[in-house]
Each structure stands twice: as C-alpha cells, then as structure tokens.
C-alpha cells in the first residue's frame, strides 16, 4: 500500500476548509441609509458618508442562489427604443380629491406607492378609507401584518368604512401574500406595513435591511408583471425618514409623507417623489372622529384664527406643487434668560432661520445677540421655499419692535446675504390667490413686469432696509 505524503494531506485539508467555508453563512455589514455592503464594520459609510449606520446581517449561499434565480427569471426582453409604443397610463381614481392630486391625477396601474409618516398620524386610516372608496368599482386586497381582522373591522366601523366588502388578509409571509394575490387578482393591493413582512429565504428578522429590500423587490416585481397598483406603508425613524435602507425610496414609483402633529387636526400629505406627476405636491386633510376629511380651501383653513393687529405675525403665499397656499408665519422675540440666546423654528429650516437672523443683525442693524427668537408656521405646514424669507424677516422685526404689519399685507420674496430681495417664481399665480382671499397689498421683489391681480396693490422693494424703514421705521416703537 502506497503511503501518502504531506502534499496530499495539505491539499485535502484545504479542500475541507473550502467546503466548510462554502457551507457556512456569510456575515456582511449593511448601511441602513443607502444599502451599501461591507465585509467589515465601518464607522462611516464610504458610499453615502453617514456615520454609525452599519448593522450585521447573515446571508447564506442558499439565499443568494434563490435571489439570483428569481432575478434571472424576471429579466425582461431586450427591445429597441424606436419599437416602444407610448400610450397614456391608465389611472384609477381614489375618489379622494386631495390624494388624487398628490398622486398626479389618480393611481397608476402597476405602480408601487410608499406611504410614510409618524405613528398615529393617519396612514392606515387614509388607506382604509381609500380601500373603501375603491372597493365599490375595483377588486381591493388589504393585507395587514400589524392588526387582526377584528381590529380592522372595529376601525372600519368607527370610520364608517364598512359599506363595501374589502378582501382582508392578515399575514406576514410575503410568499403567502403573493399567493393570495394571485388567487384574488386584485386591481389595488395595500400592504401595512413593509417592516412587518418577511421572506423565508432570508435568515434575518423582519424589518432588517435585507428583509425590507427583498420583500419590496418581490412586491415591485408582482406589481409590474400583474399591473396591480400596490400601496405599502413604511415606518419612519426619529429623524423622520423611512425606516430601512435608503434604496427603498429609489425602488418605488411614488413616495408620500404624512406630515403634522398627532395633537393637531390638520394633516398634510406630501409627494417627495412621483414618477407619474409633479413632486412637492401636497394634500391637506383634517382628522375628525370619523376619519380624514379633505380640506378644499387650505389657505382659509391655515389662516383661520389668525390674530388681528398683533405684532410678530406675517402672511406668505407659498407654492406647493401646482397650487398656491397662504400660511401665517409667527415670531416671538424675548430677552434671553441665559448667556446663550435660543433659536427655535417650527415648520421652517433651522439653518435658513439662523442665516436670516444673521442678515437682520448685519444689514438692518437689528440687535438680536441677547434675544431668544422663536419662529412658527401656524397649522403644521412645513415651508421649504425661499419665497418665505421676507415674511420671516418682517415677522421677526414686527415682534422685536412691537409694531404689527398691516393685516391686509403679504410679504413674498427671497432674501440674500447682502440684504437684497430676490425674485421668486409664479408671482401672478400668488397674486391671484391673494385677491381671492381678500388681501389688498403685497410686497414683492423688484424685477420683471408683474401682472397685477384685481384689487391687489403691488409694492416692489429692492432690499430689506427699504421694507423695514417704510413699515416699521416711521411708526415709533423700539429702536436699536
């Protein structure tokens, strides 16, 4: 019998180690923000630059093989661009005007819509009401991974949404959900929520990065192949973003955010991404005992209860999507009780607010270094448009000097670092909205010719000093 030498046993040892490593599950670290995978833990993601976002996940070779097999089976056919026929997309009306507006005219067949918001803001309420409205004409499947059938029934009775039959299915396994969808063949499917469902092919727990990504991919593939419009509900983190990988928002066709506070009656539905309509479109709802109700005139609702002849209040007309909306900007300036003055803003960008305070101190000589400054947008609206800069400045100056801005006056304009007032878009549309709401005067930047609205007196201004001197400098009050 021939004896084996050490090269033989070394090669056998390496083969055994290789076989063991192939069968063993692989551990990867995934960034929760962008989904970037790394073999080791990193303090900062090299893809998106976020800090402390890597979490550990185990991926088996079996799972990887199944995912690759599914991806290969879903490969589309290669086609020429000139051979692609363009037809207008088929839309389904949700019978909720504000929701149809945010979606761009209705729900598109085969689309995947992600709805996010804080807990208790009204996501499930809105989708249950939508399912009730659609169930009279189309087949709807409502999948819940958080509530039982009895809980959904109780909520439907409270919302008076139990007139039409809705297909209910309480399950968290995505494979069983897709099998039920193949059996029911719905035209619209609602999944509440994406963080609760899981796939048996993934070894991680529900809600993890790999589970959310894989389940969303399976739902997107089903929506595109069957033509079913799918709503998925997503939880949000404490920073206000959708929980899970950032790639989730890139995969879906439309991302809707529910804004507002739980203790406030108004809710704002904002589209931050829409492949079938305009972005930054908003819908305004009011939460009542029987569910969400549309607010047909948001400007009137947001200005309701506005104090008259009170310092620290200014009105701005902001463009949200395709329509102008009036909002009240309130400011409070008080002596600082501690060494460092406080700066707090609700409904506006904090960095923008700090910049405007610095401009007021430098360009118009407002002494705010020992003052606390609080700014609030009434009604729960969040303003990101620079056209609100002039209204913020006038509200702060009014609160500081104790001189109210005329009640029939609106300030619109972007403020630069040198104190100039820069032009904004769609001035004519803003003036038409002001005339409809009964305002008589509007301060706008000096620039191109403006078509004046009926009954609106338009005053142009080049810089902040002219506006402050005209409205606050000649009426007494506290001077610097």
Protein backbone atom coordinates (compact mmCIF):
# COMPACT_ATOMS: atom_id res chain seq x y z
CA UNK A 1 0.00 0.00 0.00
CA UNK A 2 1.40 3.34 -1.08
CA UNK A 3 1.87 5.89 1.65
CA UNK A 4 0.55 9.40 1.10
CA UNK A 5 2.96 12.27 1.64
CA UNK A 6 2.37 15.63 3.24
CA UNK A 7 1.37 17.41 -0.04
CA UNK A 8 -1.61 15.08 -0.32
CA UNK A 9 -2.83 15.74 3.22
CA UNK A 10 -2.31 19.51 2.88
CA UNK A 11 -4.44 19.59 -0.27
CA UNK A 12 -7.13 17.52 1.45
CA UNK A 13 -7.09 19.90 4.39
CA UNK A 14 -7.53 22.97 2.16
CA UNK A 15 -10.40 21.28 0.31
CA UNK A 16 -12.15 20.53 3.60
CA UNK A 17 -11.70 24.10 4.79
CA UNK A 18 -13.03 25.42 1.47
CA UNK A 19 -16.08 23.15 1.69
CA UNK A 20 -16.74 24.26 5.27
CA UNK A 21 -16.47 27.94 4.40
CA UNK A 22 -18.83 27.50 1.43
CA UNK A 23 -21.48 25.87 3.62
CA UNK A 24 -21.11 28.42 6.40
CA UNK A 25 -23.31 31.53 6.33
CA UNK A 26 -21.64 34.74 5.28
CA UNK A 27 -21.70 37.77 7.54
CA UNK A 28 -21.90 41.21 5.93
CA UNK A 29 -22.41 44.69 7.29
CA UNK A 30 -25.08 46.75 5.54
CA UNK A 31 -25.57 50.53 5.70
CA UNK A 32 -29.10 51.40 6.81
CA UNK A 33 -29.07 54.61 4.78
CA UNK A 34 -28.01 53.51 1.30
CA UNK A 35 -27.76 49.68 1.48
CA UNK A 36 -24.00 49.56 0.85
CA UNK A 37 -22.48 46.20 1.89
CA UNK A 38 -19.08 45.78 3.51
CA UNK A 39 -17.14 42.73 4.71
CA UNK A 40 -16.30 44.51 7.98
CA UNK A 41 -17.89 47.10 10.21
CA UNK A 42 -17.18 50.71 9.28
CA UNK A 43 -17.74 53.80 11.35
CA UNK A 44 -18.58 55.85 8.28
CA UNK A 45 -20.19 54.59 5.09
CA UNK A 46 -17.91 55.05 2.10
CA UNK A 47 -20.92 55.32 -0.23
CA UNK A 48 -23.22 57.90 1.40
CA UNK A 49 -20.95 59.28 4.14
CA UNK A 50 -23.35 58.52 7.02
CA UNK A 51 -21.92 57.70 10.45
CA UNK A 52 -22.75 54.65 12.64
CA UNK A 53 -25.26 53.16 10.18
CA UNK A 54 -23.76 49.68 9.63
CA UNK A 55 -25.59 46.66 11.04
CA UNK A 56 -24.57 42.99 10.87
CA UNK A 57 -26.53 40.56 8.67
CA UNK A 58 -26.05 36.90 7.82
CA UNK A 59 -26.52 35.74 4.24
CA UNK A 60 -26.40 32.05 3.35
CA UNK A 61 -25.39 30.68 -0.03
CA UNK A 62 -28.84 29.16 -0.36
CA UNK A 63 -30.45 32.56 -0.02
CA UNK A 64 -28.04 34.09 -2.52
CA UNK A 65 -28.78 31.36 -5.04
CA UNK A 66 -32.54 31.81 -4.70
CA UNK A 67 -32.29 35.58 -5.12
CA UNK A 68 -30.15 35.18 -8.24
CA UNK A 69 -32.59 32.63 -9.65
CA UNK A 70 -35.51 35.00 -9.12
CA UNK A 71 -33.61 37.88 -10.65
CA UNK A 72 -32.75 35.80 -13.74
CA UNK A 73 -36.37 34.68 -14.13
CA UNK A 74 -37.57 38.28 -14.08
CA UNK A 75 -35.22 39.54 -16.81
CA UNK A 76 -37.19 41.47 -19.45
CA UNK A 77 -36.76 41.11 -23.18
CA UNK A 78 -34.39 43.44 -24.98
CA UNK A 79 -36.28 45.87 -27.21
CA UNK A 80 -35.47 48.79 -29.50
CA UNK A 81 -36.35 52.29 -28.35
CA UNK A 82 -37.97 53.03 -31.71
CA UNK A 83 -40.23 49.99 -31.33
CA UNK A 84 -41.61 51.04 -27.93
CA UNK A 85 -45.20 52.29 -28.20
CA UNK A 86 -46.28 55.13 -25.92
CA UNK A 87 -49.77 55.04 -24.50
CA UNK A 88 -51.26 57.18 -21.77
CA UNK A 89 -51.06 55.40 -18.44
CA UNK A 90 -54.30 54.05 -17.01
CA UNK A 91 -55.21 55.80 -13.76
CA UNK A 92 -57.61 54.73 -11.05
CA UNK A 93 -59.41 57.48 -9.16
CA UNK A 94 -59.21 57.01 -5.39
CA UNK A 95 -62.34 59.18 -5.00
CA UNK A 96 -60.37 61.36 -2.58
CA UNK A 97 -59.56 64.59 -4.37
CA UNK A 98 -56.52 65.53 -2.28
CA UNK A 99 -54.99 62.05 -2.67
CA UNK A 100 -55.59 62.05 -6.43
CA UNK A 101 -53.93 65.47 -6.62
CA UNK A 102 -50.82 64.27 -4.80
CA UNK A 103 -50.61 61.15 -6.98
CA UNK A 104 -50.75 63.29 -10.12
CA UNK A 105 -54.35 62.63 -11.15
CA UNK A 106 -55.01 59.18 -9.75
CA UNK A 107 -53.39 55.84 -9.03
CA UNK A 108 -51.42 54.41 -11.96
CA UNK A 109 -51.84 50.71 -12.72
CA UNK A 110 -48.74 48.68 -11.91
CA UNK A 111 -47.26 51.38 -9.70
CA UNK A 112 -45.68 50.90 -6.27
CA UNK A 113 -46.51 53.68 -3.78
CA UNK A 114 -44.74 54.07 -0.43
CA UNK A 115 -46.62 55.93 2.33
CA UNK A 116 -44.61 57.01 5.37
CA UNK A 117 -45.30 59.03 8.48
CA UNK A 118 -45.08 59.17 12.25
CA UNK A 119 -47.01 56.61 14.34
CA UNK A 120 -50.66 57.56 14.74
CA UNK A 121 -50.53 60.24 12.03
CA UNK A 122 -53.27 58.54 9.95
CA UNK A 123 -51.55 56.34 7.37
CA UNK A 124 -53.72 53.27 7.97
CA UNK A 125 -56.82 55.44 8.27
CA UNK A 126 -56.24 57.04 4.87
CA UNK A 127 -55.53 53.73 3.16
CA UNK A 128 -58.57 52.04 4.71
CA UNK A 129 -60.77 54.88 3.51
CA UNK A 130 -59.15 54.59 0.08
CA UNK A 131 -59.83 50.84 0.03
CA UNK A 132 -63.45 51.50 0.95
CA UNK A 133 -63.86 54.03 -1.87
CA UNK A 134 -62.22 51.76 -4.44
CA UNK A 135 -63.92 48.53 -3.42
CA UNK A 136 -67.19 49.61 -4.99
CA UNK A 137 -65.70 49.55 -8.50
CA UNK A 138 -62.46 47.52 -8.39
CA UNK A 139 -61.21 44.48 -6.52
CA UNK A 140 -59.13 45.52 -3.48
CA UNK A 141 -56.94 43.36 -1.23
CA UNK A 142 -55.98 44.81 2.16
CA UNK A 143 -53.03 42.97 3.72
CA UNK A 144 -52.22 43.71 7.35
CA UNK A 145 -49.19 42.48 9.21
CA UNK A 146 -49.88 44.55 12.34
CA UNK A 147 -53.60 44.13 13.05
CA UNK A 148 -56.05 41.26 13.16
CA UNK A 149 -59.25 41.06 11.15
CA UNK A 150 -61.34 42.05 14.18
CA UNK A 151 -59.21 45.12 14.80
CA UNK A 152 -59.57 46.22 11.19
CA UNK A 153 -63.33 45.62 11.39
CA UNK A 154 -63.60 47.79 14.51
CA UNK A 155 -61.64 50.59 12.86
CA UNK A 156 -63.76 50.33 9.72
CA UNK A 157 -66.94 50.70 11.80
CA UNK A 158 -65.50 53.73 13.56
CA UNK A 159 -64.65 55.29 10.19
CA UNK A 160 -67.96 54.21 8.60
CA UNK A 161 -65.89 52.34 6.02
CA UNK A 162 -67.71 49.00 6.15
CA UNK A 163 -70.30 49.62 3.44
CA UNK A 164 -68.48 47.71 0.69
CA UNK A 165 -66.71 44.39 1.04
CA UNK A 166 -62.92 44.58 1.19
CA UNK A 167 -60.75 41.49 0.86
CA UNK A 168 -58.80 41.17 4.12
CA UNK A 169 -55.72 39.04 4.62
CA UNK A 170 -53.68 39.15 7.83
CA UNK A 171 -50.29 37.61 7.08
CA UNK A 172 -46.60 38.49 7.35
CA UNK A 173 -45.11 35.91 4.97
CA UNK A 174 -44.53 37.60 1.62
CA UNK A 175 -44.80 34.33 -0.31
CA UNK A 176 -48.24 33.63 1.14
CA UNK A 177 -49.26 37.22 0.44
CA UNK A 178 -48.30 36.89 -3.22
CA UNK A 179 -50.12 33.53 -3.46
CA UNK A 180 -53.26 35.15 -2.04
CA UNK A 181 -52.91 37.98 -4.52
CA UNK A 182 -52.63 35.50 -7.39
CA UNK A 183 -55.85 33.89 -6.19
CA UNK A 184 -57.84 37.09 -5.56
CA UNK A 185 -56.31 39.01 -8.52
CA UNK A 186 -56.85 42.48 -7.05
CA UNK A 187 -56.51 45.66 -9.03
CA UNK A 188 -55.29 47.50 -5.94
CA UNK A 189 -53.37 45.93 -3.04
CA UNK A 190 -52.46 47.59 0.26
CA UNK A 191 -49.67 46.18 2.46
CA UNK A 192 -49.45 47.52 6.03
CA UNK A 193 -46.55 47.55 6.70
CA UNK A 194 -43.35 46.66 4.81
CA UNK A 195 -41.38 46.35 8.08
CA UNK A 196 -43.59 43.51 9.35
CA UNK A 197 -43.49 41.14 6.39
CA UNK A 198 -40.65 38.73 5.76
CA UNK A 199 -39.35 36.17 3.31
CA UNK A 200 -38.35 32.67 4.41
CA UNK A 201 -35.41 32.79 2.03
CA UNK A 202 -33.75 35.47 4.18
CA UNK A 203 -32.37 34.37 7.55
CA UNK A 204 -32.58 37.81 9.21
CA UNK A 205 -35.51 39.05 11.28
CA UNK A 206 -38.44 41.04 9.80
CA UNK A 207 -37.70 44.74 9.46
CA UNK A 208 -33.99 44.26 8.77
CA UNK A 209 -32.32 45.81 5.75
CA UNK A 210 -32.15 42.58 3.76
CA UNK A 211 -35.76 41.63 4.56
CA UNK A 212 -37.18 45.02 3.64
CA UNK A 213 -35.19 45.16 0.43
CA UNK A 214 -36.08 41.63 -0.67
CA UNK A 215 -39.80 41.96 0.17
CA UNK A 216 -40.05 45.30 -1.59
CA UNK A 217 -38.37 43.82 -4.64
CA UNK A 218 -40.85 40.94 -4.73
CA UNK A 219 -43.83 43.28 -4.40
CA UNK A 220 -42.45 45.56 -7.12
CA UNK A 221 -41.96 42.59 -9.46
CA UNK A 222 -45.53 41.45 -8.80
CA UNK A 223 -46.92 44.96 -9.43
CA UNK A 224 -45.10 45.35 -12.76
CA UNK A 225 -45.97 41.88 -14.03
CA UNK A 226 -49.64 41.84 -13.00
CA UNK A 227 -50.49 45.53 -13.43
CA UNK A 228 -51.74 45.77 -9.83
CA UNK A 229 -51.29 49.08 -8.06
CA UNK A 230 -49.64 48.41 -4.68
CA UNK A 231 -49.59 50.66 -1.61
CA UNK A 232 -47.00 49.84 1.03
CA UNK A 233 -46.81 51.53 4.44
CA UNK A 234 -43.38 52.36 5.83
CA UNK A 235 -42.43 53.27 9.38
CA UNK A 236 -40.23 56.30 9.98
CA UNK A 237 -37.21 56.80 12.19
CA UNK A 238 -36.79 59.51 14.83
CA UNK A 239 -35.17 61.69 12.16
CA UNK A 240 -38.39 61.50 10.11
CA UNK A 241 -37.07 59.27 7.29
CA UNK A 242 -38.41 55.92 6.13
CA UNK A 243 -37.02 53.12 8.29
CA UNK A 244 -34.86 50.60 6.48
CA UNK A 245 -32.44 51.01 3.58
CA UNK A 246 -32.43 54.27 1.65
CA UNK A 247 -32.66 52.24 -1.52
CA UNK A 248 -36.31 51.52 -0.63
CA UNK A 249 -37.29 55.03 -1.74
CA UNK A 250 -35.40 54.59 -5.01
CA UNK A 251 -37.18 51.32 -5.83
CA UNK A 252 -40.76 52.57 -5.56
CA UNK A 253 -42.54 54.80 -8.08
CA UNK A 254 -44.02 57.26 -5.61
CA UNK A 255 -43.10 58.30 -2.06
CA UNK A 256 -45.73 60.05 0.08
CA UNK A 257 -45.04 61.53 3.50
CA UNK A 258 -47.70 62.29 6.09
CA UNK A 259 -46.77 65.48 7.97
CA UNK A 260 -48.33 67.07 11.01
CA UNK A 261 -48.62 66.54 14.74
CA UNK A 262 -50.85 63.97 16.38
CA UNK A 263 -52.44 66.62 18.60
CA UNK A 264 -53.24 68.89 15.63
CA UNK A 265 -56.30 68.37 13.49
CA UNK A 266 -54.66 69.09 10.12
CA UNK A 267 -52.58 66.52 8.25
CA UNK A 268 -50.50 67.25 5.16
CA UNK A 269 -49.76 64.54 2.59
CA UNK A 270 -46.68 65.49 0.58
CA UNK A 271 -45.24 63.77 -2.51
CA UNK A 272 -41.44 63.84 -2.35
CA UNK A 273 -41.07 61.52 -5.35
CA UNK A 274 -43.51 60.79 -8.16
CA UNK A 275 -42.66 59.24 -11.50
CA UNK A 276 -46.14 59.97 -12.82
CA UNK A 277 -46.70 63.53 -11.58
CA UNK A 278 -45.16 66.62 -10.04
CA UNK A 279 -43.15 66.41 -6.85
CA UNK A 280 -43.74 68.53 -3.73
CA UNK A 281 -47.48 68.39 -4.37
CA UNK A 282 -49.45 68.40 -1.12
CA UNK A 283 -52.90 67.37 0.01
CA UNK A 284 -54.46 68.79 3.16
CA UNK A 285 -56.71 66.69 5.39
CA UNK A 286 -58.44 67.25 8.70
CA UNK A 287 -58.62 64.44 11.21
CA UNK A 288 -62.05 64.05 12.81
CA UNK A 289 -63.79 61.34 14.81
CA UNK A 290 -64.95 59.54 11.66
CA UNK A 291 -61.66 59.67 9.80
CA UNK A 292 -59.82 62.02 7.47
CA UNK A 293 -61.71 64.69 5.57
CA UNK A 294 -60.45 66.75 2.66
CA UNK A 295 -59.76 70.44 3.13
CA UNK A 296 -60.99 72.09 -0.06
CA UNK A 297 -59.54 75.53 0.75
CA UNK A 298 -56.21 75.03 2.57
CA UNK A 299 -55.43 78.77 2.65
CA UNK A 300 -58.60 79.56 4.56
CA UNK A 301 -58.03 76.64 6.93
CA UNK A 302 -54.42 77.61 7.71
CA UNK A 303 -55.31 81.27 8.28
CA UNK A 304 -58.31 80.50 10.47
CA UNK A 305 -57.87 82.02 13.93
CA UNK A 306 -55.16 84.43 12.80
CA UNK A 307 -54.89 87.34 15.27
CA UNK A 308 -55.59 90.83 14.01
CA UNK A 309 -53.35 93.83 14.60
CA UNK A 310 -50.81 91.75 16.55
CA UNK A 311 -47.02 92.17 16.34
CA UNK A 312 -44.99 89.17 15.18
CA UNK A 313 -47.40 87.90 12.52
CA UNK A 314 -46.90 87.90 8.74
CA UNK A 315 -48.59 86.09 5.86
CA UNK A 316 -46.75 84.46 2.96
CA UNK A 317 -48.03 82.82 -0.22
CA UNK A 318 -46.01 79.69 -0.95
CA UNK A 319 -46.25 77.39 -3.97
CA UNK A 320 -46.75 73.75 -3.01
CA UNK A 321 -46.61 71.64 -6.13
CA UNK A 322 -49.01 73.27 -8.56
CA UNK A 323 -51.12 75.45 -6.30
CA UNK A 324 -50.51 78.49 -4.09
CA UNK A 325 -51.22 78.25 -0.36
CA UNK A 326 -51.31 81.04 2.19
CA UNK A 327 -49.69 80.45 5.56
CA UNK A 328 -49.09 82.52 8.67
CA UNK A 329 -45.54 82.97 9.97
CA UNK A 330 -45.38 83.86 13.66
CA UNK A 331 -42.34 85.21 15.50
CA UNK A 332 -41.58 85.87 19.15
CA UNK A 333 -38.54 87.84 20.32
CA UNK A 334 -37.82 87.89 24.07
CA UNK A 335 -34.77 88.72 26.22
CA UNK A 336 -32.51 85.71 26.74
CA UNK A 337 -32.66 84.29 30.23
CA UNK A 338 -29.25 82.65 29.93
CA UNK A 339 -25.93 83.59 28.39
CA UNK A 340 -26.57 81.93 25.02
CA UNK A 341 -29.75 83.05 23.22
CA UNK A 342 -32.07 80.33 21.88
CA UNK A 343 -33.11 79.93 18.26
CA UNK A 344 -36.08 77.65 17.64
CA UNK A 345 -38.09 77.17 14.46
CA UNK A 346 -41.14 75.03 13.69
CA UNK A 347 -42.15 74.49 10.10
CA UNK A 348 -39.04 76.11 8.61
CA UNK A 349 -35.45 75.04 8.08
CA UNK A 350 -33.33 75.80 11.13
CA UNK A 351 -30.20 76.69 9.17
CA UNK A 352 -32.20 79.06 6.98
CA UNK A 353 -33.63 80.74 10.06
CA UNK A 354 -30.20 81.26 11.60
CA UNK A 355 -28.93 82.75 8.34
CA UNK A 356 -31.82 85.21 8.17
CA UNK A 357 -31.19 86.30 11.77
CA UNK A 358 -27.54 86.98 10.88
CA UNK A 359 -28.65 89.01 7.85
CA UNK A 360 -31.01 91.07 10.00
CA UNK A 361 -28.25 91.81 12.51
CA UNK A 362 -25.73 92.80 9.86
CA UNK A 363 -27.79 94.55 7.18
CA UNK A 364 -30.55 96.35 9.09
CA UNK A 365 -28.86 96.67 12.49
CA UNK A 366 -31.29 94.55 14.48
CA UNK A 367 -29.75 93.74 17.87
CA UNK A 368 -30.69 90.07 18.43
CA UNK A 369 -27.49 88.80 20.06
CA UNK A 370 -29.11 88.86 23.53
CA UNK A 371 -32.59 87.84 22.38
CA UNK A 372 -34.35 84.49 22.12
CA UNK A 373 -36.02 84.11 18.72
CA UNK A 374 -38.89 81.66 18.14
CA UNK A 375 -40.48 81.20 14.70
CA UNK A 376 -43.52 79.07 13.95
CA UNK A 377 -45.58 78.32 10.84
CA UNK A 378 -49.17 78.03 12.05
CA UNK A 379 -51.23 75.00 11.08
CA UNK A 380 -48.43 72.43 10.92
CA UNK A 381 -47.27 73.35 7.40
CA UNK A 382 -43.56 72.97 6.61
CA UNK A 383 -42.20 75.65 4.29
CA UNK A 384 -39.03 74.94 2.36
CA UNK A 385 -39.43 77.58 -0.35
CA UNK A 386 -37.07 80.61 -0.15
CA UNK A 387 -40.02 82.87 -1.03
CA UNK A 388 -40.94 82.87 2.68
CA UNK A 389 -37.73 84.70 3.66
CA UNK A 390 -39.27 88.17 3.53
CA UNK A 391 -42.26 87.10 5.62
CA UNK A 392 -39.94 85.61 8.26
CA UNK A 393 -37.88 88.81 8.41
CA UNK A 394 -40.93 91.08 8.70
CA UNK A 395 -42.43 88.87 11.40
CA UNK A 396 -39.22 88.99 13.46
CA UNK A 397 -38.86 92.77 13.07
CA UNK A 398 -42.52 93.24 13.96
CA UNK A 399 -42.12 91.16 17.11
CA UNK A 400 -38.89 92.94 18.06
CA UNK A 401 -40.25 96.48 17.68
CA UNK A 402 -43.79 95.70 18.80
CA UNK A 403 -45.30 97.15 15.62
CA UNK A 404 -47.81 94.96 13.74
CA UNK A 405 -47.70 94.55 10.00
CA UNK A 406 -50.99 95.64 8.33
CA UNK A 407 -53.47 92.76 8.30
CA UNK A 408 -54.15 93.09 4.57
CA UNK A 409 -50.44 92.95 3.60
CA UNK A 410 -48.50 89.91 2.42
CA UNK A 411 -44.70 89.69 2.04
CA UNK A 412 -43.17 87.49 -0.69
CA UNK A 413 -39.51 87.35 -1.61
CA UNK A 414 -36.17 85.59 -1.17
CA UNK A 415 -33.53 87.31 0.95
CA UNK A 416 -29.85 87.27 0.01
CA UNK A 417 -26.82 87.58 2.26
CA UNK A 418 -26.32 91.21 1.26
CA UNK A 419 -29.85 92.11 2.29
CA UNK A 420 -31.29 92.26 -1.23
CA UNK A 421 -34.72 90.86 -2.06
CA UNK A 422 -34.57 88.46 -4.98
CA UNK A 423 -37.40 87.49 -7.31
CA UNK A 424 -39.44 84.31 -6.99
CA UNK A 425 -41.40 82.24 -9.49
CA UNK A 426 -45.12 82.30 -10.32
CA UNK A 427 -45.85 85.75 -8.90
CA UNK A 428 -49.04 86.08 -10.94
CA UNK A 429 -50.46 82.86 -9.51
CA UNK A 430 -49.65 84.02 -5.98
CA UNK A 431 -51.33 87.39 -6.53
CA UNK A 432 -54.47 85.70 -7.85
CA UNK A 433 -54.68 83.61 -4.68
CA UNK A 434 -54.20 86.70 -2.52
CA UNK A 435 -57.00 88.51 -4.33
CA UNK A 436 -59.29 85.53 -3.83
CA UNK A 437 -58.56 85.54 -0.10
CA UNK A 438 -59.29 89.27 0.23
CA UNK A 439 -55.79 90.74 0.73
CA UNK A 440 -55.20 94.28 -0.56
CA UNK A 441 -51.41 94.76 -0.61
CA UNK A 442 -48.40 92.61 -1.42
CA UNK A 443 -44.67 93.30 -1.07
CA UNK A 444 -42.75 91.66 -3.92
CA UNK A 445 -39.17 91.87 -5.22
CA UNK A 446 -38.37 94.48 -7.81
CA UNK A 447 -37.74 92.87 -11.15
CA UNK A 448 -39.65 91.82 -14.21
CA UNK A 449 -43.03 93.27 -15.06
CA UNK A 450 -45.77 91.90 -12.85
CA UNK A 451 -49.35 91.48 -13.96
CA UNK A 452 -51.29 92.89 -11.04
CA UNK A 453 -54.24 91.00 -9.71
CA UNK A 454 -57.66 92.51 -9.25
CA UNK A 455 -57.83 94.65 -6.15
CA UNK A 456 -54.17 93.99 -5.22
CA UNK A 457 -51.76 96.86 -4.66
CA UNK A 458 -48.27 95.63 -5.52
CA UNK A 459 -45.30 97.27 -3.82
CA UNK A 460 -41.81 96.44 -5.06
CA UNK A 461 -38.70 96.55 -2.90
CA UNK A 462 -35.01 96.14 -3.65
CA UNK A 463 -33.65 95.38 -0.17
CA UNK A 464 -34.68 94.75 3.40
CA UNK A 465 -33.75 98.25 4.59
CA UNK A 466 -36.42 99.86 2.40
CA UNK A 467 -39.15 97.49 3.60
CA UNK A 468 -38.26 97.84 7.29
CA UNK A 469 -37.97 101.64 7.09
CA UNK A 470 -41.32 102.02 5.33
CA UNK A 471 -43.36 99.69 7.56
CA UNK A 472 -41.60 99.94 10.92
CA UNK A 473 -39.25 102.93 10.90
CA UNK A 474 -41.84 105.73 10.75
CA UNK A 475 -44.27 104.44 13.35
CA UNK A 476 -42.23 104.68 16.52
CA UNK A 477 -41.68 101.67 18.68
CA UNK A 478 -38.47 100.22 19.99
CA UNK A 479 -35.39 101.35 18.07
CA UNK A 480 -31.94 99.78 18.02
